[in-house]
C-alpha atoms as a PDB file:
ATOM      1  CA  MET A   1     -13.960   4.034  -0.040  1.00  0.00           C
ATOM      2  CA  ASN A   2     -12.916   3.960  -3.680  1.00  0.00           C
ATOM      3  CA  SER A   3      -9.412   5.359  -3.830  1.00  0.00           C
ATOM      4  CA  SER A   4      -9.782   6.531  -7.407  1.00  0.00           C
ATOM      5  CA  SER A   5     -12.351   9.140  -6.353  1.00  0.00           C
ATOM      6  CA  SER A   6     -10.279  11.015  -3.770  1.00  0.00           C
ATOM      7  CA  ALA A   7      -7.141  13.039  -4.312  1.00  0.00           C
ATOM      8  CA  GLN A   8      -4.068  13.006  -2.089  1.00  0.00           C
ATOM      9  CA  PRO A   9      -4.208  15.337   0.929  1.00  0.00           C
ATOM     10  CA  ALA A  10      -3.248  18.944   0.273  1.00  0.00           C
ATOM     11  CA  VAL A  11      -0.012  18.688   2.244  1.00  0.00           C
ATOM     12  CA  PRO A  12       3.003  20.210   0.481  1.00  0.00           C
ATOM     13  CA  PHE A  13       5.107  17.490  -1.095  1.00  0.00           C
ATOM     14  CA  PRO A  14       8.567  18.243  -2.507  1.00  0.00           C
ATOM     15  CA  ASP A  15       9.113  17.915  -6.232  1.00  0.00           C
ATOM     16  CA  ASP A  16      12.867  17.688  -5.933  1.00  0.00           C
ATOM     17  CA  GLY A  17      15.157  15.888  -3.534  1.00  0.00           C
ATOM     18  CA  ARG A  18      15.376  12.183  -2.763  1.00  0.00           C
ATOM     19  CA  LEU A  19      12.221  10.228  -2.022  1.00  0.00           C
ATOM     20  CA  LEU A  20      11.970   6.911  -0.250  1.00  0.00           C
ATOM     21  CA  GLY A  21       9.614   4.295  -1.691  1.00  0.00           C
ATOM     22  CA  ILE A  22       8.060   1.872   0.777  1.00  0.00           C
ATOM     23  CA  ASP A  23       6.529  -1.517  -0.043  1.00  0.00           C
ATOM     24  CA  PHE A  24       4.684  -2.083   3.239  1.00  0.00           C
ATOM     25  CA  GLY A  25       4.495  -5.519   4.785  1.00  0.00           C
ATOM     26  CA  THR A  26       3.681  -6.743   8.252  1.00  0.00           C
ATOM     27  CA  LYS A  27       6.948  -8.726   8.404  1.00  0.00           C
ATOM     28  CA  ARG A  28       9.194  -7.273   5.684  1.00  0.00           C
ATOM     29  CA  ILE A  29       9.310  -3.817   4.149  1.00  0.00           C
ATOM     30  CA  GLY A  30      10.885  -3.102   0.787  1.00  0.00           C
ATOM     31  CA  VAL A  31      12.719   0.207   0.563  1.00  0.00           C
ATOM     32  CA  ALA A  32      13.691   2.088  -2.591  1.00  0.00           C
ATOM     33  CA  VAL A  33      15.231   5.526  -3.097  1.00  0.00           C
ATOM     34  CA  SER A  34      15.029   8.070  -5.902  1.00  0.00           C
ATOM     35  CA  THR A  35      17.680  10.265  -7.397  1.00  0.00           C
ATOM     36  CA  PRO A  36      17.725  13.854  -6.062  1.00  0.00           C
ATOM     37  CA  GLU A  37      16.064  14.960  -9.334  1.00  0.00           C
ATOM     38  CA  GLN A  38      13.260  12.447  -8.719  1.00  0.00           C
ATOM     39  CA  SER A  39      13.773  10.833 -12.105  1.00  0.00           C
ATOM     40  CA  ILE A  40      15.031   7.313 -11.333  1.00  0.00           C
ATOM     41  CA  SER A  41      14.334   4.923  -8.459  1.00  0.00           C
ATOM     42  CA  SER A  42      16.633   2.190  -7.234  1.00  0.00           C
ATOM     43  CA  PRO A  43      16.029  -0.693  -4.841  1.00  0.00           C
ATOM     44  CA  LEU A  44      17.705  -0.046  -1.515  1.00  0.00           C
ATOM     45  CA  GLU A  45      17.003  -2.957   0.806  1.00  0.00           C
ATOM     46  CA  ASN A  46      14.498  -5.227   2.482  1.00  0.00           C
ATOM     47  CA  TYR A  47      13.951  -4.475   6.117  1.00  0.00           C
ATOM     48  CA  THR A  48      12.662  -7.150   8.485  1.00  0.00           C
ATOM     49  CA  ARG A  49      10.483  -5.559  11.117  1.00  0.00           C
ATOM     50  CA  ARG A  50      11.590  -6.008  14.734  1.00  0.00           C
ATOM     51  CA  SER A  51       9.890  -3.592  17.151  1.00  0.00           C
ATOM     52  CA  LYS A  52       8.446  -0.081  16.924  1.00  0.00           C
ATOM     53  CA  GLU A  53      11.570   1.353  18.537  1.00  0.00           C
ATOM     54  CA  LEU A  54      14.037  -0.479  16.273  1.00  0.00           C
ATOM     55  CA  ASP A  55      11.866   0.151  13.197  1.00  0.00           C
ATOM     56  CA  ALA A  56      11.784   3.885  14.014  1.00  0.00           C
ATOM     57  CA  GLU A  57      15.552   3.935  14.475  1.00  0.00           C
ATOM     58  CA  PHE A  58      16.063   2.192  11.112  1.00  0.00           C
ATOM     59  CA  PHE A  59      13.795   4.520   9.134  1.00  0.00           C
ATOM     60  CA  LYS A  60      15.152   7.681  10.766  1.00  0.00           C
ATOM     61  CA  LYS A  61      18.680   6.556   9.849  1.00  0.00           C
ATOM     62  CA  VAL A  62      17.750   5.724   6.239  1.00  0.00           C
ATOM     63  CA  ALA A  63      15.927   9.049   5.835  1.00  0.00           C
ATOM     64  CA  ALA A  64      18.918  10.948   7.264  1.00  0.00           C
ATOM     65  CA  ASP A  65      21.580   8.963   5.371  1.00  0.00           C
ATOM     66  CA  TYR A  66      19.852   9.571   2.028  1.00  0.00           C
ATOM     67  CA  ARG A  67      18.694  13.090   2.915  1.00  0.00           C
ATOM     68  CA  ALA A  68      15.155  12.095   1.976  1.00  0.00           C
ATOM     69  CA  VAL A  69      12.615  14.896   1.570  1.00  0.00           C
ATOM     70  CA  GLY A  70       9.496  12.705   1.347  1.00  0.00           C
ATOM     71  CA  ILE A  71       8.150   9.170   1.459  1.00  0.00           C
ATOM     72  CA  VAL A  72       5.908   7.348  -1.018  1.00  0.00           C
ATOM     73  CA  VAL A  73       4.107   4.399   0.545  1.00  0.00           C
ATOM     74  CA  GLY A  74       2.639   1.724  -1.697  1.00  0.00           C
ATOM     75  CA  LEU A  75      -1.092   1.367  -1.160  1.00  0.00           C
ATOM     76  CA  PRO A  76      -2.544  -2.097  -1.762  1.00  0.00           C
ATOM     77  CA  VAL A  77      -5.995  -1.717  -3.300  1.00  0.00           C
ATOM     78  CA  HIS A  78      -8.436  -4.167  -4.833  1.00  0.00           C
ATOM     79  CA  MET A  79      -8.715  -4.517  -8.616  1.00  0.00           C
ATOM     80  CA  SER A  80     -11.813  -2.267  -8.404  1.00  0.00           C
ATOM     81  CA  GLY A  81      -9.712   0.465  -6.811  1.00  0.00           C
ATOM     82  CA  ASP A  82     -11.449   0.029  -3.458  1.00  0.00           C
ATOM     83  CA  GLU A  83      -9.267   0.069  -0.389  1.00  0.00           C
ATOM     84  CA  SER A  84      -8.901  -2.943   1.864  1.00  0.00           C
ATOM     85  CA  GLU A  85      -7.867  -3.748   5.426  1.00  0.00           C
ATOM     86  CA  LYS A  86      -4.293  -3.975   4.116  1.00  0.00           C
ATOM     87  CA  SER A  87      -4.736  -0.442   2.663  1.00  0.00           C
ATOM     88  CA  ARG A  88      -5.753   0.801   6.113  1.00  0.00           C
ATOM     89  CA  GLN A  89      -2.667  -0.861   7.626  1.00  0.00           C
ATOM     90  CA  ALA A  90      -0.435   0.751   4.978  1.00  0.00           C
ATOM     91  CA  ARG A  91      -2.004   4.169   5.644  1.00  0.00           C
ATOM     92  CA  ASN A  92      -1.517   3.738   9.410  1.00  0.00           C
ATOM     93  CA  PHE A  93       2.092   2.713   8.830  1.00  0.00           C
ATOM     94  CA  GLY A  94       2.644   5.695   6.517  1.00  0.00           C
ATOM     95  CA  ALA A  95       1.209   8.086   9.116  1.00  0.00           C
ATOM     96  CA  TRP A  96       3.470   6.536  11.768  1.00  0.00           C
ATOM     97  CA  LEU A  97       6.479   6.705   9.433  1.00  0.00           C
ATOM     98  CA  GLY A  98       5.803  10.356   8.608  1.00  0.00           C
ATOM     99  CA  GLY A  99       5.643  11.135  12.326  1.00  0.00           C
ATOM    100  CA  VAL A 100       8.858   9.252  13.070  1.00  0.00           C
ATOM    101  CA  THR A 101      10.864  10.797  10.212  1.00  0.00           C
ATOM    102  CA  LYS A 102       9.100  14.194  10.158  1.00  0.00           C
ATOM    103  CA  LEU A 103       8.752  13.792   6.379  1.00  0.00           C
ATOM    104  CA  PRO A 104       5.628  14.245   4.258  1.00  0.00           C
ATOM    105  CA  VAL A 105       4.012  11.039   2.987  1.00  0.00           C
ATOM    106  CA  ARG A 106       2.176  10.215  -0.234  1.00  0.00           C
ATOM    107  CA  TYR A 107       0.379   6.978  -1.058  1.00  0.00           C
ATOM    108  CA  TRP A 108       0.602   5.342  -4.470  1.00  0.00           C
ATOM    109  CA  ASP A 109      -1.100   2.343  -6.052  1.00  0.00           C
ATOM    110  CA  GLU A 110       1.067  -0.741  -5.741  1.00  0.00           C
ATOM    111  CA  ARG A 111      -1.145  -3.197  -7.651  1.00  0.00           C
ATOM    112  CA  TYR A 112       0.938  -5.680  -9.655  1.00  0.00           C
ATOM    113  CA  THR A 113       4.296  -4.473  -8.309  1.00  0.00           C
ATOM    114  CA  SER A 114       5.143  -7.809  -6.689  1.00  0.00           C
ATOM    115  CA  VAL A 115       4.098  -9.701  -9.835  1.00  0.00           C
ATOM    116  CA  ILE A 116       6.217  -7.401 -12.018  1.00  0.00           C
ATOM    117  CA  ALA A 117       9.142  -7.671  -9.583  1.00  0.00           C
ATOM    118  CA  GLU A 118       8.898 -11.481  -9.579  1.00  0.00           C
ATOM    119  CA  SER A 119       8.884 -11.442 -13.388  1.00  0.00           C
ATOM    120  CA  TYR A 120      12.026  -9.261 -13.516  1.00  0.00           C
ATOM    121  CA  LEU A 121      13.804 -11.482 -11.005  1.00  0.00           C
ATOM    122  CA  LEU A 122      12.828 -14.632 -12.926  1.00  0.00           C
ATOM    123  CA  GLU A 123      14.202 -13.063 -16.116  1.00  0.00           C
ATOM    124  CA  ALA A 124      17.436 -12.397 -14.229  1.00  0.00           C
ATOM    125  CA  GLU A 125      17.507 -16.143 -13.504  1.00  0.00           C
ATOM    126  CA  LEU A 126      17.831 -15.685  -9.762  1.00  0.00           C
ATOM    127  CA  THR A 127      17.251 -18.672  -7.519  1.00  0.00           C
ATOM    128  CA  LYS A 128      14.041 -18.807  -5.493  1.00  0.00           C
ATOM    129  CA  LYS A 129      16.010 -17.848  -2.373  1.00  0.00           C
ATOM    130  CA  LYS A 130      17.580 -14.809  -4.078  1.00  0.00           C
ATOM    131  CA  ARG A 131      14.223 -13.764  -5.551  1.00  0.00           C
ATOM    132  CA  LYS A 132      12.685 -13.825  -2.071  1.00  0.00           C
ATOM    133  CA  ALA A 133      15.592 -11.751  -0.768  1.00  0.00           C
ATOM    134  CA  HIS A 134      15.038  -9.048  -3.411  1.00  0.00           C
ATOM    135  CA  ILE A 135      11.325  -9.008  -4.268  1.00  0.00           C
ATOM    136  CA  ASP A 136      10.115  -6.436  -1.719  1.00  0.00           C
ATOM    137  CA  MET A 137      12.742  -3.829  -2.535  1.00  0.00           C
ATOM    138  CA  VAL A 138      12.242  -4.332  -6.289  1.00  0.00           C
ATOM    139  CA  ALA A 139       8.472  -3.937  -5.765  1.00  0.00           C
ATOM    140  CA  ALA A 140       9.219  -0.703  -3.848  1.00  0.00           C
ATOM    141  CA  GLN A 141      11.404   0.449  -6.743  1.00  0.00           C
ATOM    142  CA  ILE A 142       8.658  -0.265  -9.306  1.00  0.00           C
ATOM    143  CA  MET A 143       6.015   1.529  -7.228  1.00  0.00           C
ATOM    144  CA  LEU A 144       8.283   4.551  -6.652  1.00  0.00           C
ATOM    145  CA  GLN A 145       9.216   4.702 -10.349  1.00  0.00           C
ATOM    146  CA  SER A 146       5.514   4.680 -11.235  1.00  0.00           C
ATOM    147  CA  TYR A 147       5.048   7.669  -8.929  1.00  0.00           C
ATOM    148  CA  LEU A 148       8.069   9.467 -10.413  1.00  0.00           C
ATOM    149  CA  ASP A 149       6.825   8.873 -13.974  1.00  0.00           C
ATOM    150  CA  SER A 150       3.303  10.113 -13.268  1.00  0.00           C
ATOM    151  CA  ASP A 151       2.010  13.302 -14.848  1.00  0.00           C
ATOM    152  CA  ASP A 152      -0.262  13.812 -11.818  1.00  0.00           C
ATOM    153  CA  ARG A 153       1.561  12.968  -8.616  1.00  0.00           C
ATOM    154  CA  ASP A 154      -1.251  14.467  -6.540  1.00  0.00           C
ATOM    155  CA  ALA A 155      -3.801  12.045  -7.966  1.00  0.00           C
ATOM    156  CA  ALA A 156      -5.388   9.415  -5.794  1.00  0.00           C
ATOM    157  CA  PRO A 157      -3.635   6.040  -5.876  1.00  0.00           C
ATOM    158  CA  ARG A 158      -4.582   4.300  -9.092  1.00  0.00           C
ATOM    159  CA  GLU A 159      -3.714   1.390 -11.308  1.00  0.00           C
ATOM    160  CA  MET A 160      -0.254   1.537 -12.885  1.00  0.00           C
END
Protein backbone atom coordinates (compact mmCIF):
# COMPACT_ATOMS: atom_id res chain seq x y z
CA MET A 1 0.00 0.00 0.00
CA ASN A 2 1.28 3.47 -0.83
CA SER A 3 1.00 5.51 2.33
CA SER A 4 0.72 8.79 0.46
CA SER A 5 -2.68 7.78 -0.93
CA SER A 6 -4.50 7.11 2.34
CA ALA A 7 -5.36 9.56 5.08
CA GLN A 8 -5.04 8.92 8.81
CA PRO A 9 -8.01 7.14 10.42
CA ALA A 10 -10.92 9.36 11.42
CA VAL A 11 -10.28 8.93 15.14
CA PRO A 12 -10.41 12.18 17.12
CA PHE A 13 -6.90 13.40 17.85
CA PRO A 14 -6.28 16.26 20.29
CA ASP A 15 -4.87 19.51 18.95
CA ASP A 16 -3.70 20.70 22.33
CA GLY A 17 -2.00 18.97 25.23
CA ARG A 18 1.29 17.11 25.30
CA LEU A 19 2.04 14.51 22.65
CA LEU A 20 4.59 11.74 22.84
CA GLY A 21 6.73 11.07 19.77
CA ILE A 22 7.91 7.50 19.27
CA ASP A 23 10.83 6.37 17.11
CA PHE A 24 10.01 2.66 16.99
CA GLY A 25 12.75 0.06 17.11
CA THR A 26 12.77 -3.62 17.89
CA LYS A 27 15.48 -3.12 20.54
CA ARG A 28 15.45 0.60 21.40
CA ILE A 29 12.67 3.16 21.22
CA GLY A 30 13.30 6.88 21.09
CA VAL A 31 10.80 8.99 23.01
CA ALA A 32 10.13 12.71 22.60
CA VAL A 33 7.50 14.97 24.15
CA SER A 34 5.81 18.15 22.97
CA THR A 35 4.89 21.27 24.86
CA PRO A 36 1.24 21.43 26.00
CA GLU A 37 0.58 23.90 23.14
CA GLN A 38 1.98 21.35 20.67
CA SER A 39 4.48 23.85 19.29
CA ILE A 40 7.89 22.46 20.30
CA SER A 41 9.18 18.91 20.74
CA SER A 42 12.04 17.85 22.97
CA PRO A 43 13.93 14.57 23.20
CA LEU A 44 12.95 12.68 26.33
CA GLU A 45 14.86 9.41 26.44
CA ASN A 46 15.84 6.18 24.76
CA TYR A 47 14.07 3.16 26.11
CA THR A 48 15.58 -0.31 25.76
CA ARG A 49 12.84 -2.85 25.32
CA ARG A 50 12.64 -5.60 27.94
CA SER A 51 9.31 -7.48 27.93
CA LYS A 52 5.72 -6.63 27.02
CA GLU A 53 4.85 -6.21 30.69
CA LEU A 54 7.80 -3.95 31.52
CA ASP A 55 7.40 -2.02 28.26
CA ALA A 56 3.71 -1.42 29.06
CA GLU A 57 4.59 -0.26 32.57
CA PHE A 58 7.21 2.16 31.19
CA PHE A 59 4.92 3.73 28.58
CA LYS A 60 1.96 4.02 30.94
CA LYS A 61 4.21 5.83 33.43
CA VAL A 62 5.64 8.20 30.80
CA ALA A 63 2.16 8.98 29.46
CA ALA A 64 0.87 9.66 32.99
CA ASP A 65 3.93 11.64 34.14
CA TYR A 66 3.74 13.97 31.13
CA ARG A 67 -0.07 13.99 31.01
CA ALA A 68 0.11 12.99 27.35
CA VAL A 69 -3.09 13.29 25.31
CA GLY A 70 -1.87 11.44 22.20
CA ILE A 71 1.00 9.54 20.63
CA VAL A 72 2.70 10.08 17.26
CA VAL A 73 4.53 6.98 16.05
CA GLY A 74 7.17 7.33 13.36
CA LEU A 75 6.33 5.23 10.32
CA PRO A 76 9.29 3.93 8.32
CA VAL A 77 8.37 3.95 4.63
CA HIS A 78 10.35 3.39 1.46
CA MET A 79 11.56 6.34 -0.62
CA SER A 80 8.56 5.69 -2.93
CA GLY A 81 6.21 6.17 0.02
CA ASP A 82 5.28 2.49 0.04
CA GLU A 83 5.06 0.80 3.40
CA SER A 84 7.38 -2.01 4.40
CA GLU A 85 7.51 -4.88 6.88
CA LYS A 86 9.05 -2.40 9.34
CA SER A 87 6.02 -0.11 8.73
CA ARG A 88 3.71 -2.99 9.64
CA GLN A 89 5.72 -3.60 12.83
CA ALA A 90 5.52 0.11 13.73
CA ARG A 91 1.75 0.12 13.12
CA ASN A 92 1.32 -3.00 15.28
CA PHE A 93 3.42 -1.41 18.01
CA GLY A 94 1.40 1.82 17.78
CA ALA A 95 -1.87 -0.11 18.08
CA TRP A 96 -0.48 -1.97 21.10
CA LEU A 97 0.79 1.28 22.64
CA GLY A 98 -2.57 2.99 22.13
CA GLY A 99 -4.28 0.06 23.86
CA VAL A 100 -1.83 0.08 26.77
CA THR A 101 -1.98 3.85 27.36
CA LYS A 102 -5.60 4.38 26.24
CA LEU A 103 -4.37 7.28 24.09
CA PRO A 104 -5.11 7.95 20.42
CA VAL A 105 -2.27 7.23 17.99
CA ARG A 106 -1.19 8.91 14.76
CA TYR A 107 1.51 7.73 12.38
CA TRP A 108 3.96 10.12 10.74
CA ASP A 109 6.67 9.70 8.12
CA GLU A 110 10.05 9.23 9.75
CA ARG A 111 12.19 9.07 6.60
CA TYR A 112 15.58 10.73 7.13
CA THR A 113 15.06 11.38 10.85
CA SER A 114 17.97 9.18 11.92
CA VAL A 115 20.23 10.74 9.27
CA ILE A 116 19.24 14.25 10.38
CA ALA A 117 19.69 13.30 14.05
CA GLU A 118 23.15 11.85 13.34
CA SER A 119 24.08 15.07 11.52
CA TYR A 120 22.96 17.22 14.48
CA LEU A 121 24.87 15.04 16.93
CA LEU A 122 28.01 15.15 14.76
CA GLU A 123 27.75 18.95 14.65
CA ALA A 124 27.55 18.91 18.44
CA GLU A 125 30.86 17.01 18.36
CA LEU A 126 29.57 14.15 20.48
CA THR A 127 31.60 10.97 20.65
CA LYS A 128 30.32 7.91 18.80
CA LYS A 129 29.19 6.42 22.12
CA LYS A 130 27.24 9.57 23.08
CA ARG A 131 25.72 9.81 19.59
CA LYS A 132 24.46 6.24 19.90
CA ALA A 133 23.02 7.05 23.32
CA HIS A 134 21.03 10.01 21.93
CA ILE A 135 20.18 9.24 18.30
CA ASP A 136 16.81 7.51 18.79
CA MET A 137 15.33 10.18 21.03
CA VAL A 138 16.62 12.96 18.75
CA ALA A 139 15.07 11.13 15.77
CA ALA A 140 11.79 10.96 17.75
CA GLN A 141 12.07 14.69 18.42
CA ILE A 142 12.62 15.49 14.72
CA MET A 143 9.70 13.29 13.64
CA LEU A 144 7.38 14.80 16.29
CA GLN A 145 8.44 18.35 15.36
CA SER A 146 7.66 17.58 11.72
CA TYR A 147 4.17 16.50 12.80
CA LEU A 148 3.73 19.62 14.96
CA ASP A 149 4.84 21.90 12.11
CA SER A 150 2.53 20.31 9.54
CA ASP A 151 -0.38 22.25 8.08
CA ASP A 152 -2.25 18.95 7.61
CA ARG A 153 -1.78 16.70 10.60
CA ASP A 154 -4.48 14.33 9.34
CA ALA A 155 -2.58 13.64 6.12
CA ALA A 156 -1.14 10.24 5.43
CA PRO A 157 2.49 9.82 6.48
CA ARG A 158 4.66 11.53 3.90
CA GLU A 159 8.16 12.73 3.22
CA MET A 160 9.39 15.51 5.50
